[in-house]
Amino acid sequence: VRAALTSMTSEAAALRLASAITWLTTALFFAAVLLVAIVIPIHAQDALTFGEWSRLISQHWHFHVPAATPQEYGRPLFYVLQGWLWGLLGFSDVSGRLLSGVFSVVLLVGLVLLVRDRAWGSLAGLLAALALIATPVYGAQAVSGLTDIPAAAPPR
């Protein structure tokens, strides 16, 4: 019985340590992403091109503008939200990139919530979080201002 209790205690301690390491690494990742979002302006050509629709939404407060293309209308969620944000706060690369970062956080949280109910329990959620933040495309596009799902979009 004592050996079983010691084994369970060491497993729980290992899981707590893995959890602390994972969430500390994730926090450091998003701190670096936040710094990039604040310091570096939008530089992706697609983000600048499609961001024009967001600027027009922020200026006119409606979606149908002559300059908008069918391709822009095909990606409304991010660009409309960005337009509303810019309409409220004024145009800013930083706010657009931070909005993009919010979508990246939602992806991470959704993935962790999806897999943590698996057989491995919370360890599966930890491994999923580490796998996502270790994906180079996710890191490169977490605050890019693009509508592509960061982990699914191939680099251009």
Protein backbone atom coordinates (compact mmCIF):
# COMPACT_ATOMS: atom_id res chain seq x y z
CA VAL A 1 0.00 0.00 0.00
CA ARG A 2 2.83 2.36 0.89
CA ALA A 3 4.52 1.77 -2.48
CA ALA A 4 1.26 2.50 -4.29
CA LEU A 5 0.78 5.74 -2.35
CA THR A 6 4.38 6.78 -3.06
CA SER A 7 3.91 5.99 -6.74
CA MET A 8 0.69 8.04 -6.94
CA THR A 9 2.33 10.91 -5.09
CA SER A 10 5.31 10.95 -7.42
CA GLU A 11 3.00 10.79 -10.46
CA ALA A 12 0.98 13.73 -9.13
CA ALA A 13 4.17 15.68 -8.43
CA ALA A 14 5.47 14.93 -11.94
CA LEU A 15 2.17 16.09 -13.44
CA ARG A 16 2.29 19.32 -11.39
CA LEU A 17 5.87 19.93 -12.51
CA ALA A 18 4.97 19.26 -16.17
CA SER A 19 1.99 21.58 -15.82
CA ALA A 20 4.11 24.35 -14.33
CA ILE A 21 6.75 24.01 -17.06
CA THR A 22 4.12 23.97 -19.83
CA TRP A 23 2.21 27.01 -18.62
CA LEU A 24 5.41 28.93 -17.87
CA THR A 25 6.65 28.20 -21.39
CA THR A 26 3.27 29.21 -22.83
CA ALA A 27 3.30 32.44 -20.82
CA LEU A 28 6.81 33.26 -22.05
CA PHE A 29 5.74 32.51 -25.63
CA PHE A 30 2.78 34.88 -25.40
CA ALA A 31 4.88 37.53 -23.66
CA ALA A 32 7.24 37.44 -26.65
CA VAL A 33 4.27 37.50 -29.04
CA LEU A 34 2.83 40.50 -27.19
CA LEU A 35 6.15 42.31 -27.49
CA VAL A 36 6.27 41.60 -31.23
CA ALA A 37 2.68 42.81 -31.64
CA ILE A 38 3.45 46.09 -29.90
CA VAL A 39 6.91 46.83 -31.30
CA ILE A 40 6.80 45.61 -34.91
CA PRO A 41 4.19 47.05 -37.31
CA ILE A 42 2.15 44.84 -39.63
CA HIS A 43 4.50 43.72 -42.37
CA ALA A 44 2.62 40.91 -44.11
CA GLN A 45 1.40 42.10 -47.50
CA ASP A 46 -1.89 40.20 -47.19
CA ALA A 47 -2.60 41.78 -43.82
CA LEU A 48 -2.03 45.23 -45.28
CA THR A 49 -4.10 44.54 -48.38
CA PHE A 50 -7.08 43.00 -46.61
CA GLY A 51 -6.73 45.46 -43.74
CA GLU A 52 -7.97 48.13 -46.12
CA TRP A 53 -11.49 46.70 -45.79
CA SER A 54 -11.16 47.01 -42.00
CA ARG A 55 -10.12 50.64 -42.37
CA LEU A 56 -13.13 51.32 -44.61
CA ILE A 57 -15.43 49.63 -42.09
CA SER A 58 -13.96 51.75 -39.31
CA GLN A 59 -14.52 54.94 -41.33
CA HIS A 60 -18.01 54.25 -42.67
CA TRP A 61 -19.42 51.70 -40.17
CA HIS A 62 -20.86 49.44 -42.84
CA PHE A 63 -19.58 46.42 -44.74
CA HIS A 64 -20.45 47.10 -48.36
CA VAL A 65 -17.85 49.37 -49.89
CA PRO A 66 -16.85 49.55 -53.55
CA ALA A 67 -13.19 48.82 -52.80
CA ALA A 68 -13.93 45.49 -51.07
CA THR A 69 -13.31 42.39 -53.19
CA PRO A 70 -15.10 39.02 -53.03
CA GLN A 71 -11.97 37.60 -51.41
CA GLU A 72 -12.33 40.05 -48.53
CA TYR A 73 -16.02 39.26 -48.14
CA GLY A 74 -15.01 35.62 -47.82
CA ARG A 75 -13.08 36.36 -44.60
CA PRO A 76 -15.43 38.57 -42.62
CA LEU A 77 -14.94 37.49 -39.02
CA PHE A 78 -11.50 38.94 -38.37
CA TYR A 79 -11.65 41.94 -40.70
CA VAL A 80 -15.08 43.10 -39.53
CA LEU A 81 -14.03 42.80 -35.88
CA GLN A 82 -10.82 44.64 -36.68
CA GLY A 83 -12.83 47.38 -38.43
CA TRP A 84 -15.09 47.78 -35.42
CA LEU A 85 -12.07 47.86 -33.12
CA TRP A 86 -10.40 50.51 -35.26
CA GLY A 87 -13.66 52.45 -35.42
CA LEU A 88 -13.79 52.55 -31.63
CA LEU A 89 -10.09 53.05 -30.84
CA GLY A 90 -8.72 54.54 -34.05
CA PHE A 91 -6.47 52.87 -36.59
CA SER A 92 -3.52 51.08 -35.04
CA ASP A 93 -1.32 48.24 -36.22
CA VAL A 94 -0.95 47.25 -32.58
CA SER A 95 -4.67 46.78 -31.94
CA GLY A 96 -5.03 44.78 -35.16
CA ARG A 97 -2.14 42.53 -34.21
CA LEU A 98 -3.43 42.12 -30.67
CA LEU A 99 -6.82 41.08 -32.07
CA SER A 100 -4.98 38.50 -34.16
CA GLY A 101 -3.26 37.36 -30.96
CA VAL A 102 -6.64 36.90 -29.29
CA PHE A 103 -7.59 34.46 -32.05
CA SER A 104 -4.31 32.60 -31.45
CA VAL A 105 -5.08 32.33 -27.73
CA VAL A 106 -8.61 31.11 -28.52
CA LEU A 107 -7.10 28.41 -30.74
CA LEU A 108 -4.74 27.31 -27.95
CA VAL A 109 -7.47 27.27 -25.29
CA GLY A 110 -9.88 25.45 -27.60
CA LEU A 111 -7.29 22.81 -28.43
CA VAL A 112 -6.42 22.24 -24.77
CA LEU A 113 -10.10 21.98 -23.81
CA LEU A 114 -10.73 19.58 -26.68
CA VAL A 115 -8.00 17.10 -25.82
CA ARG A 116 -7.90 17.25 -22.03
CA ASP A 117 -10.93 14.99 -21.77
CA ARG A 118 -9.00 12.16 -23.40
CA ALA A 119 -7.57 9.09 -21.67
CA TRP A 120 -4.38 10.88 -20.61
CA GLY A 121 -6.37 13.57 -18.86
CA SER A 122 -4.65 16.86 -18.21
CA LEU A 123 -1.36 15.53 -19.59
CA ALA A 124 -2.95 15.44 -23.07
CA GLY A 125 -3.87 19.12 -22.74
CA LEU A 126 -0.34 20.00 -21.68
CA LEU A 127 1.18 18.11 -24.59
CA ALA A 128 -1.27 19.74 -27.03
CA ALA A 129 -0.36 23.21 -25.73
CA LEU A 130 3.37 22.50 -26.07
CA ALA A 131 2.92 21.02 -29.54
CA LEU A 132 0.98 24.07 -30.72
CA ILE A 133 3.38 26.72 -29.42
CA ALA A 134 6.31 24.69 -30.78
CA THR A 135 4.84 24.82 -34.30
CA PRO A 136 6.90 27.39 -36.24
CA VAL A 137 3.96 28.57 -38.37
CA TYR A 138 1.88 29.21 -35.25
CA GLY A 139 4.68 31.27 -33.75
CA ALA A 140 5.26 33.22 -36.94
CA GLN A 141 1.59 34.00 -37.53
CA ALA A 142 0.24 34.34 -33.98
CA VAL A 143 -0.01 38.13 -34.33
CA SER A 144 0.40 38.51 -38.08
CA GLY A 145 -2.94 40.22 -38.70
CA LEU A 146 -3.95 37.50 -41.15
CA THR A 147 -7.12 35.44 -41.13
CA ASP A 148 -5.43 32.10 -41.63
CA ILE A 149 -5.64 29.72 -38.71
CA PRO A 150 -2.06 30.03 -37.50
CA ALA A 151 -1.30 26.32 -37.06
CA ALA A 152 -3.03 25.22 -40.26
CA ALA A 153 -1.72 27.82 -42.68
CA PRO A 154 1.40 26.91 -44.61
CA PRO A 155 4.10 29.58 -44.71
CA ARG A 156 4.06 31.69 -47.83
